[in-house]
Structure formats: C-alpha cells, structure tokens
C-alpha cells in the first residue's frame, strides 16, 4: 500500500533536473528509466524498495510512489526527495 504523491516546482530545465535525479538514484543502487517527460524508478532502502513514477509538465515535477515499505511514512519520503532535488 503506497499512494504517496508529491509535486515540486522545478527551477531548471526538465532535462537538467531529471539527469540529476537519475544520477542520484543510480549512485544509491537504484534504477531509473525515462526522459524529461515521464518515467519510473526503483530505489532500495535498508527496509525495502521504494518504487514510483514521475512526470514533468509546466515547470513541475510530479512523483507518485507506487510501492514503499509499510514502516516508511510518505512525509519522510517527501522530505528526502526535497533534499535530493536541491
């Protein structure tokens, strides 16, 4: 049971922010597929994987978490995403 959705304003070009996110996810052992319009990702954590998809439109990055560890609250995921997007 996941159903976490987040929206972030992006201050740079979509391709720049997606390249940054892709690099960070892959450097942490995850997988990332997609382009500056949409895609999906999988990120391992010590308590289980986080899976989701994203889309970009009108200077906004929308992230939907489709699978996450039950013990990991949506607010914590959102907080970590905000840190990584800066």
PDB file of N, CA and C in Angstrom:
ATOM      1  N   UNK A   1       0.858  -1.190   0.000  1.00  0.00           N
ATOM      2  CA  UNK A   1       0.000   0.000   0.000  1.00  0.00           C
ATOM      3  C   UNK A   1       0.889   1.233   0.000  1.00  0.00           C
ATOM      4  N   UNK A   2       0.798   2.035  -1.031  1.00  0.00           N
ATOM      5  CA  UNK A   2       1.684   3.194  -1.109  1.00  0.00           C
ATOM      6  C   UNK A   2       0.867   4.475  -1.252  1.00  0.00           C
ATOM      7  N   UNK A   3       0.572   4.860  -2.465  1.00  0.00           N
ATOM      8  CA  UNK A   3      -0.240   6.042  -2.721  1.00  0.00           C
ATOM      9  C   UNK A   3       0.291   7.328  -2.092  1.00  0.00           C
ATOM     10  N   UNK A   4       1.529   7.627  -2.326  1.00  0.00           N
ATOM     11  CA  UNK A   4       2.095   8.924  -1.945  1.00  0.00           C
ATOM     12  C   UNK A   4       2.296   9.702  -3.244  1.00  0.00           C
ATOM     13  N   UNK A   5       1.855  10.942  -3.267  1.00  0.00           N
ATOM     14  CA  UNK A   5       2.066  11.780  -4.449  1.00  0.00           C
ATOM     15  C   UNK A   5       2.645  13.112  -4.009  1.00  0.00           C
ATOM     16  N   UNK A   6       3.635  13.576  -4.763  1.00  0.00           N
ATOM     17  CA  UNK A   6       4.294  14.842  -4.436  1.00  0.00           C
ATOM     18  C   UNK A   6       4.460  15.670  -5.700  1.00  0.00           C
ATOM     19  N   UNK A   7       4.432  16.988  -5.536  1.00  0.00           N
ATOM     20  CA  UNK A   7       4.691  17.882  -6.663  1.00  0.00           C
ATOM     21  C   UNK A   7       5.733  18.900  -6.219  1.00  0.00           C
ATOM     22  N   UNK A   8       6.710  19.108  -7.092  1.00  0.00           N
ATOM     23  CA  UNK A   8       7.792  20.038  -6.799  1.00  0.00           C
ATOM     24  C   UNK A   8       7.952  21.008  -7.970  1.00  0.00           C
ATOM     25  N   UNK A   9       8.056  22.279  -7.669  1.00  0.00           N
ATOM     26  CA  UNK A   9       8.378  23.263  -8.705  1.00  0.00           C
ATOM     27  C   UNK A   9       9.831  23.043  -9.106  1.00  0.00           C
ATOM     28  N   UNK A  10      10.108  23.122 -10.402  1.00  0.00           N
ATOM     29  CA  UNK A  10      11.496  22.983 -10.834  1.00  0.00           C
ATOM     30  C   UNK A  10      11.978  24.321 -11.375  1.00  0.00           C
ATOM     31  N   UNK A  11      13.162  24.671 -10.940  1.00  0.00           N
ATOM     32  CA  UNK A  11      13.743  25.973 -11.273  1.00  0.00           C
ATOM     33  C   UNK A  11      14.683  25.898 -12.466  1.00  0.00           C
ATOM     34  N   UNK A  12      14.996  24.670 -12.903  1.00  0.00           N
ATOM     35  CA  UNK A  12      15.915  24.486 -14.020  1.00  0.00           C
ATOM     36  C   UNK A  12      15.158  23.821 -15.169  1.00  0.00           C
ATOM     37  N   UNK A  13      15.870  23.459 -16.208  1.00  0.00           N
ATOM     38  CA  UNK A  13      15.219  22.762 -17.321  1.00  0.00           C
ATOM     39  C   UNK A  13      14.831  21.358 -16.875  1.00  0.00           C
ATOM     40  N   UNK A  14      13.745  20.808 -17.446  1.00  0.00           N
ATOM     41  CA  UNK A  14      13.352  19.439 -17.076  1.00  0.00           C
ATOM     42  C   UNK A  14      14.478  18.427 -17.281  1.00  0.00           C
ATOM     43  N   UNK A  15      15.222  18.546 -18.377  1.00  0.00           N
ATOM     44  CA  UNK A  15      16.286  17.565 -18.615  1.00  0.00           C
ATOM     45  C   UNK A  15      17.377  17.663 -17.551  1.00  0.00           C
ATOM     46  N   UNK A  16      17.656  18.863 -17.064  1.00  0.00           N
ATOM     47  CA  UNK A  16      18.685  19.032 -16.033  1.00  0.00           C
ATOM     48  C   UNK A  16      18.259  18.379 -14.718  1.00  0.00           C
ATOM     49  N   UNK A  17      17.020  18.596 -14.306  1.00  0.00           N
ATOM     50  CA  UNK A  17      16.558  18.009 -13.047  1.00  0.00           C
ATOM     51  C   UNK A  17      16.454  16.491 -13.162  1.00  0.00           C
ATOM     52  N   UNK A  18      16.005  15.985 -14.299  1.00  0.00           N
ATOM     53  CA  UNK A  18      15.886  14.535 -14.482  1.00  0.00           C
ATOM     54  C   UNK A  18      17.269  13.888 -14.498  1.00  0.00           C
ATOM     55  N   UNK A  19      18.243  14.525 -15.147  1.00  0.00           N
ATOM     56  CA  UNK A  19      19.615  13.999 -15.129  1.00  0.00           C
ATOM     57  C   UNK A  19      20.151  13.918 -13.697  1.00  0.00           C
ATOM     58  N   UNK A  20      19.859  14.935 -12.889  1.00  0.00           N
ATOM     59  CA  UNK A  20      20.319  14.968 -11.503  1.00  0.00           C
ATOM     60  C   UNK A  20      19.673  13.837 -10.694  1.00  0.00           C
ATOM     61  N   UNK A  21      18.359  13.677 -10.837  1.00  0.00           N
ATOM     62  CA  UNK A  21      17.645  12.635 -10.100  1.00  0.00           C
ATOM     63  C   UNK A  21      18.127  11.250 -10.527  1.00  0.00           C
ATOM     64  N   UNK A  22      18.267  11.040 -11.835  1.00  0.00           N
ATOM     65  CA  UNK A  22      18.740   9.754 -12.370  1.00  0.00           C
ATOM     66  C   UNK A  22      20.110   9.408 -11.790  1.00  0.00           C
ATOM     67  N   UNK A  23      21.013  10.383 -11.795  1.00  0.00           N
ATOM     68  CA  UNK A  23      22.362  10.175 -11.282  1.00  0.00           C
ATOM     69  C   UNK A  23      22.341   9.788  -9.797  1.00  0.00           C
ATOM     70  N   UNK A  24      21.532  10.487  -9.021  1.00  0.00           N
ATOM     71  CA  UNK A  24      21.485  10.201  -7.585  1.00  0.00           C
ATOM     72  C   UNK A  24      20.873   8.836  -7.291  1.00  0.00           C
ATOM     73  N   UNK A  25      19.779   8.506  -7.985  1.00  0.00           N
ATOM     74  CA  UNK A  25      19.139   7.205  -7.760  1.00  0.00           C
ATOM     75  C   UNK A  25      20.093   6.079  -8.139  1.00  0.00           C
ATOM     76  N   UNK A  26      20.746   6.203  -9.297  1.00  0.00           N
ATOM     77  CA  UNK A  26      21.667   5.154  -9.730  1.00  0.00           C
ATOM     78  C   UNK A  26      22.884   5.060  -8.823  1.00  0.00           C
ATOM     79  N   UNK A  27      23.361   6.190  -8.289  1.00  0.00           N
ATOM     80  CA  UNK A  27      24.519   6.150  -7.392  1.00  0.00           C
ATOM     81  C   UNK A  27      24.177   5.488  -6.064  1.00  0.00           C
ATOM     82  N   UNK A  28      22.881   5.429  -5.732  1.00  0.00           N
ATOM     83  CA  UNK A  28      22.450   4.779  -4.499  1.00  0.00           C
ATOM     84  C   UNK A  28      21.972   3.351  -4.747  1.00  0.00           C
ATOM     85  N   UNK A  29      22.285   2.809  -5.946  1.00  0.00           N
ATOM     86  CA  UNK A  29      21.975   1.416  -6.239  1.00  0.00           C
ATOM     87  C   UNK A  29      20.601   1.176  -6.839  1.00  0.00           C
ATOM     88  N   UNK A  30      19.905   2.236  -7.202  1.00  0.00           N
ATOM     89  CA  UNK A  30      18.571   2.098  -7.774  1.00  0.00           C
ATOM     90  C   UNK A  30      18.594   2.074  -9.286  1.00  0.00           C
ATOM     91  N   UNK A  31      17.398   1.968  -9.861  1.00  0.00           N
ATOM     92  CA  UNK A  31      17.278   2.010 -11.315  1.00  0.00           C
ATOM     93  C   UNK A  31      16.336   3.140 -11.706  1.00  0.00           C
ATOM     94  N   UNK A  32      16.585   3.704 -12.874  1.00  0.00           N
ATOM     95  CA  UNK A  32      15.825   4.862 -13.335  1.00  0.00           C
ATOM     96  C   UNK A  32      15.679   4.755 -14.844  1.00  0.00           C
ATOM     97  N   UNK A  33      14.457   4.810 -15.337  1.00  0.00           N
ATOM     98  CA  UNK A  33      14.222   4.817 -16.770  1.00  0.00           C
ATOM     99  C   UNK A  33      13.252   5.938 -17.092  1.00  0.00           C
ATOM    100  N   UNK A  34      13.487   6.599 -18.204  1.00  0.00           N
ATOM    101  CA  UNK A  34      12.598   7.673 -18.616  1.00  0.00           C
ATOM    102  C   UNK A  34      13.346   8.817 -19.242  1.00  0.00           C
ATOM    103  N   UNK A  35      12.616   9.882 -19.502  1.00  0.00           N
ATOM    104  CA  UNK A  35      13.193  11.074 -20.119  1.00  0.00           C
ATOM    105  C   UNK A  35      12.673  12.319 -19.404  1.00  0.00           C
ATOM    106  N   UNK A  36      12.794  13.494 -20.048  1.00  0.00           N
ATOM    107  CA  UNK A  36      12.378  14.719 -19.365  1.00  0.00           C
ATOM    108  C   UNK A  36      10.863  14.888 -19.298  1.00  0.00           C
ATOM    109  N   UNK A  37      10.104  13.923 -19.830  1.00  0.00           N
ATOM    110  CA  UNK A  37       8.639  13.995 -19.761  1.00  0.00           C
ATOM    111  C   UNK A  37       8.043  13.055 -18.716  1.00  0.00           C
ATOM    112  N   UNK A  38       8.530  11.804 -18.703  1.00  0.00           N
ATOM    113  CA  UNK A  38       7.989  10.824 -17.749  1.00  0.00           C
ATOM    114  C   UNK A  38       8.888   9.605 -17.658  1.00  0.00           C
ATOM    115  N   UNK A  39       8.698   8.836 -16.603  1.00  0.00           N
ATOM    116  CA  UNK A  39       9.475   7.617 -16.423  1.00  0.00           C
ATOM    117  C   UNK A  39       9.180   6.981 -15.089  1.00  0.00           C
ATOM    118  N   UNK A  40      10.036   6.037 -14.685  1.00  0.00           N
ATOM    119  CA  UNK A  40       9.849   5.375 -13.404  1.00  0.00           C
ATOM    120  C   UNK A  40      11.192   5.054 -12.763  1.00  0.00           C
ATOM    121  N   UNK A  41      11.125   4.700 -11.494  1.00  0.00           N
ATOM    122  CA  UNK A  41      12.342   4.448 -10.733  1.00  0.00           C
ATOM    123  C   UNK A  41      12.093   3.418  -9.649  1.00  0.00           C
ATOM    124  N   UNK A  42      13.198   2.865  -9.151  1.00  0.00           N
ATOM    125  CA  UNK A  42      13.191   1.900  -8.062  1.00  0.00           C
ATOM    126  C   UNK A  42      14.423   2.220  -7.225  1.00  0.00           C
ATOM    127  N   UNK A  43      14.218   2.403  -5.937  1.00  0.00           N
ATOM    128  CA  UNK A  43      15.327   2.748  -5.051  1.00  0.00           C
ATOM    129  C   UNK A  43      15.326   1.828  -3.840  1.00  0.00           C
ATOM    130  N   UNK A  44      16.397   1.037  -3.666  1.00  0.00           N
ATOM    131  CA  UNK A  44      16.443   0.168  -2.487  1.00  0.00           C
ATOM    132  C   UNK A  44      16.712   0.972  -1.214  1.00  0.00           C
ATOM    133  N   UNK A  45      16.125   0.540  -0.112  1.00  0.00           N
ATOM    134  CA  UNK A  45      16.424   1.105   1.202  1.00  0.00           C
ATOM    135  C   UNK A  45      16.693  -0.077   2.136  1.00  0.00           C
ATOM    136  N   UNK A  46      17.246   0.173   3.296  1.00  0.00           N
ATOM    137  CA  UNK A  46      17.503  -0.944   4.223  1.00  0.00           C
ATOM    138  C   UNK A  46      16.232  -1.705   4.642  1.00  0.00           C
ATOM    139  N   UNK A  47      15.065  -1.053   4.537  1.00  0.00           N
ATOM    140  CA  UNK A  47      13.828  -1.728   4.974  1.00  0.00           C
ATOM    141  C   UNK A  47      12.922  -2.134   3.808  1.00  0.00           C
ATOM    142  N   UNK A  48      13.400  -1.964   2.577  1.00  0.00           N
ATOM    143  CA  UNK A  48      12.613  -2.368   1.412  1.00  0.00           C
ATOM    144  C   UNK A  48      12.677  -1.320   0.312  1.00  0.00           C
ATOM    145  N   UNK A  49      12.284  -1.706  -0.872  1.00  0.00           N
ATOM    146  CA  UNK A  49      12.404  -0.821  -2.030  1.00  0.00           C
ATOM    147  C   UNK A  49      11.284   0.224  -2.085  1.00  0.00           C
ATOM    148  N   UNK A  50      11.636   1.355  -2.663  1.00  0.00           N
ATOM    149  CA  UNK A  50      10.664   2.395  -2.998  1.00  0.00           C
ATOM    150  C   UNK A  50      10.565   2.403  -4.511  1.00  0.00           C
ATOM    151  N   UNK A  51       9.347   2.276  -5.032  1.00  0.00           N
ATOM    152  CA  UNK A  51       9.126   2.305  -6.474  1.00  0.00           C
ATOM    153  C   UNK A  51       8.144   3.411  -6.791  1.00  0.00           C
ATOM    154  N   UNK A  52       8.326   4.012  -7.957  1.00  0.00           N
ATOM    155  CA  UNK A  52       7.399   5.066  -8.335  1.00  0.00           C
ATOM    156  C   UNK A  52       7.574   5.484  -9.770  1.00  0.00           C
ATOM    157  N   UNK A  53       6.781   6.475 -10.153  1.00  0.00           N
ATOM    158  CA  UNK A  53       6.898   7.052 -11.483  1.00  0.00           C
ATOM    159  C   UNK A  53       6.831   8.559 -11.363  1.00  0.00           C
ATOM    160  N   UNK A  54       7.196   9.222 -12.442  1.00  0.00           N
ATOM    161  CA  UNK A  54       7.214  10.682 -12.420  1.00  0.00           C
ATOM    162  C   UNK A  54       6.745  11.210 -13.762  1.00  0.00           C
ATOM    163  N   UNK A  55       6.336  12.460 -13.736  1.00  0.00           N
ATOM    164  CA  UNK A  55       6.032  13.178 -14.974  1.00  0.00           C
ATOM    165  C   UNK A  55       6.404  14.641 -14.763  1.00  0.00           C
ATOM    166  N   UNK A  56       6.727  15.304 -15.857  1.00  0.00           N
ATOM    167  CA  UNK A  56       7.111  16.712 -15.810  1.00  0.00           C
ATOM    168  C   UNK A  56       6.206  17.485 -16.749  1.00  0.00           C
ATOM    169  N   UNK A  57       5.637  18.583 -16.229  1.00  0.00           N
ATOM    170  CA  UNK A  57       4.885  19.497 -17.091  1.00  0.00           C
ATOM    171  C   UNK A  57       4.774  20.851 -16.400  1.00  0.00           C
ATOM    172  N   UNK A  58       4.802  21.897 -17.212  1.00  0.00           N
ATOM    173  CA  UNK A  58       4.651  23.269 -16.699  1.00  0.00           C
ATOM    174  C   UNK A  58       5.556  23.567 -15.504  1.00  0.00           C
ATOM    175  N   UNK A  59       6.851  23.284 -15.640  1.00  0.00           N
ATOM    176  CA  UNK A  59       7.831  23.547 -14.580  1.00  0.00           C
ATOM    177  C   UNK A  59       7.484  22.876 -13.257  1.00  0.00           C
ATOM    178  N   UNK A  60       6.861  21.719 -13.346  1.00  0.00           N
ATOM    179  CA  UNK A  60       6.518  20.980 -12.144  1.00  0.00           C
ATOM    180  C   UNK A  60       6.866  19.501 -12.332  1.00  0.00           C
ATOM    181  N   UNK A  61       7.483  18.938 -11.310  1.00  0.00           N
ATOM    182  CA  UNK A  61       7.826  17.525 -11.288  1.00  0.00           C
ATOM    183  C   UNK A  61       6.825  16.840 -10.370  1.00  0.00           C
ATOM    184  N   UNK A  62       6.083  15.895 -10.919  1.00  0.00           N
ATOM    185  CA  UNK A  62       5.094  15.147 -10.131  1.00  0.00           C
ATOM    186  C   UNK A  62       5.628  13.735  -9.930  1.00  0.00           C
ATOM    187  N   UNK A  63       5.670  13.305  -8.678  1.00  0.00           N
ATOM    188  CA  UNK A  63       6.172  11.980  -8.336  1.00  0.00           C
ATOM    189  C   UNK A  63       5.071  11.206  -7.633  1.00  0.00           C
ATOM    190  N   UNK A  64       4.806  10.003  -8.117  1.00  0.00           N
ATOM    191  CA  UNK A  64       3.850   9.097  -7.483  1.00  0.00           C
ATOM    192  C   UNK A  64       4.607   7.871  -6.999  1.00  0.00           C
ATOM    193  N   UNK A  65       4.531   7.605  -5.705  1.00  0.00           N
ATOM    194  CA  UNK A  65       5.148   6.416  -5.134  1.00  0.00           C
ATOM    195  C   UNK A  65       4.122   5.284  -5.234  1.00  0.00           C
ATOM    196  N   UNK A  66       4.489   4.220  -5.933  1.00  0.00           N
ATOM    197  CA  UNK A  66       3.567   3.109  -6.151  1.00  0.00           C
ATOM    198  C   UNK A  66       3.811   1.940  -5.194  1.00  0.00           C
ATOM    199  N   UNK A  67       5.009   1.894  -4.612  1.00  0.00           N
ATOM    200  CA  UNK A  67       5.334   0.838  -3.649  1.00  0.00           C
ATOM    201  C   UNK A  67       6.376   1.387  -2.688  1.00  0.00           C
ATOM    202  N   UNK A  68       6.184   1.106  -1.415  1.00  0.00           N
ATOM    203  CA  UNK A  68       7.143   1.539  -0.392  1.00  0.00           C
ATOM    204  C   UNK A  68       7.043   0.620   0.803  1.00  0.00           C
ATOM    205  N   UNK A  69       8.079   0.606   1.645  1.00  0.00           N
ATOM    206  CA  UNK A  69       7.994  -0.184   2.870  1.00  0.00           C
ATOM    207  C   UNK A  69       6.870   0.367   3.770  1.00  0.00           C
ATOM    208  N   UNK A  70       6.122  -0.522   4.384  1.00  0.00           N
ATOM    209  CA  UNK A  70       4.994  -0.112   5.221  1.00  0.00           C
ATOM    210  C   UNK A  70       5.438   0.825   6.353  1.00  0.00           C
ATOM    211  N   UNK A  71       6.634   0.610   6.866  1.00  0.00           N
ATOM    212  CA  UNK A  71       7.123   1.393   8.003  1.00  0.00           C
ATOM    213  C   UNK A  71       7.650   2.780   7.610  1.00  0.00           C
ATOM    214  N   UNK A  72       7.696   3.071   6.328  1.00  0.00           N
ATOM    215  CA  UNK A  72       8.263   4.330   5.857  1.00  0.00           C
ATOM    216  C   UNK A  72       7.134   5.300   5.504  1.00  0.00           C
ATOM    217  N   UNK A  73       6.948   6.367   6.299  1.00  0.00           N
ATOM    218  CA  UNK A  73       5.851   7.299   6.027  1.00  0.00           C
ATOM    219  C   UNK A  73       6.090   8.167   4.788  1.00  0.00           C
ATOM    220  N   UNK A  74       5.000   8.547   4.148  1.00  0.00           N
ATOM    221  CA  UNK A  74       5.081   9.393   2.957  1.00  0.00           C
ATOM    222  C   UNK A  74       5.821  10.697   3.249  1.00  0.00           C
ATOM    223  N   UNK A  75       5.603  11.262   4.420  1.00  0.00           N
ATOM    224  CA  UNK A  75       6.259  12.519   4.780  1.00  0.00           C
ATOM    225  C   UNK A  75       7.777  12.410   4.790  1.00  0.00           C
ATOM    226  N   UNK A  76       8.286  11.272   5.214  1.00  0.00           N
ATOM    227  CA  UNK A  76       9.733  11.071   5.230  1.00  0.00           C
ATOM    228  C   UNK A  76      10.275  10.966   3.803  1.00  0.00           C
ATOM    229  N   UNK A  77       9.539  10.279   2.942  1.00  0.00           N
ATOM    230  CA  UNK A  77       9.942  10.172   1.537  1.00  0.00           C
ATOM    231  C   UNK A  77       9.952  11.560   0.896  1.00  0.00           C
ATOM    232  N   UNK A  78       8.910  12.344   1.155  1.00  0.00           N
ATOM    233  CA  UNK A  78       8.828  13.689   0.588  1.00  0.00           C
ATOM    234  C   UNK A  78       9.993  14.559   1.050  1.00  0.00           C
ATOM    235  N   UNK A  79      10.324  14.470   2.323  1.00  0.00           N
ATOM    236  CA  UNK A  79      11.434  15.237   2.882  1.00  0.00           C
ATOM    237  C   UNK A  79      12.757  14.876   2.207  1.00  0.00           C
ATOM    238  N   UNK A  80      13.002  13.578   2.031  1.00  0.00           N
ATOM    239  CA  UNK A  80      14.230  13.134   1.372  1.00  0.00           C
ATOM    240  C   UNK A  80      14.265  13.568  -0.093  1.00  0.00           C
ATOM    241  N   UNK A  81      13.120  13.519  -0.754  1.00  0.00           N
ATOM    242  CA  UNK A  81      13.068  13.968  -2.159  1.00  0.00           C
ATOM    243  C   UNK A  81      13.412  15.452  -2.259  1.00  0.00           C
ATOM    244  N   UNK A  82      12.858  16.249  -1.369  1.00  0.00           N
ATOM    245  CA  UNK A  82      13.142  17.686  -1.386  1.00  0.00           C
ATOM    246  C   UNK A  82      14.629  17.947  -1.230  1.00  0.00           C
ATOM    247  N   UNK A  83      15.285  17.243  -0.327  1.00  0.00           N
ATOM    248  CA  UNK A  83      16.732  17.408  -0.135  1.00  0.00           C
ATOM    249  C   UNK A  83      17.495  17.057  -1.409  1.00  0.00           C
ATOM    250  N   UNK A  84      17.113  15.966  -2.053  1.00  0.00           N
ATOM    251  CA  UNK A  84      17.847  15.493  -3.236  1.00  0.00           C
ATOM    252  C   UNK A  84      17.602  16.355  -4.467  1.00  0.00           C
ATOM    253  N   UNK A  85      16.497  17.073  -4.502  1.00  0.00           N
ATOM    254  CA  UNK A  85      16.191  17.905  -5.668  1.00  0.00           C
ATOM    255  C   UNK A  85      16.876  19.257  -5.639  1.00  0.00           C
ATOM    256  N   UNK A  86      17.490  19.607  -4.512  1.00  0.00           N
ATOM    257  CA  UNK A  86      18.145  20.920  -4.394  1.00  0.00           C
ATOM    258  C   UNK A  86      19.526  20.901  -4.999  1.00  0.00           C
TER     259      UNK A  86
END
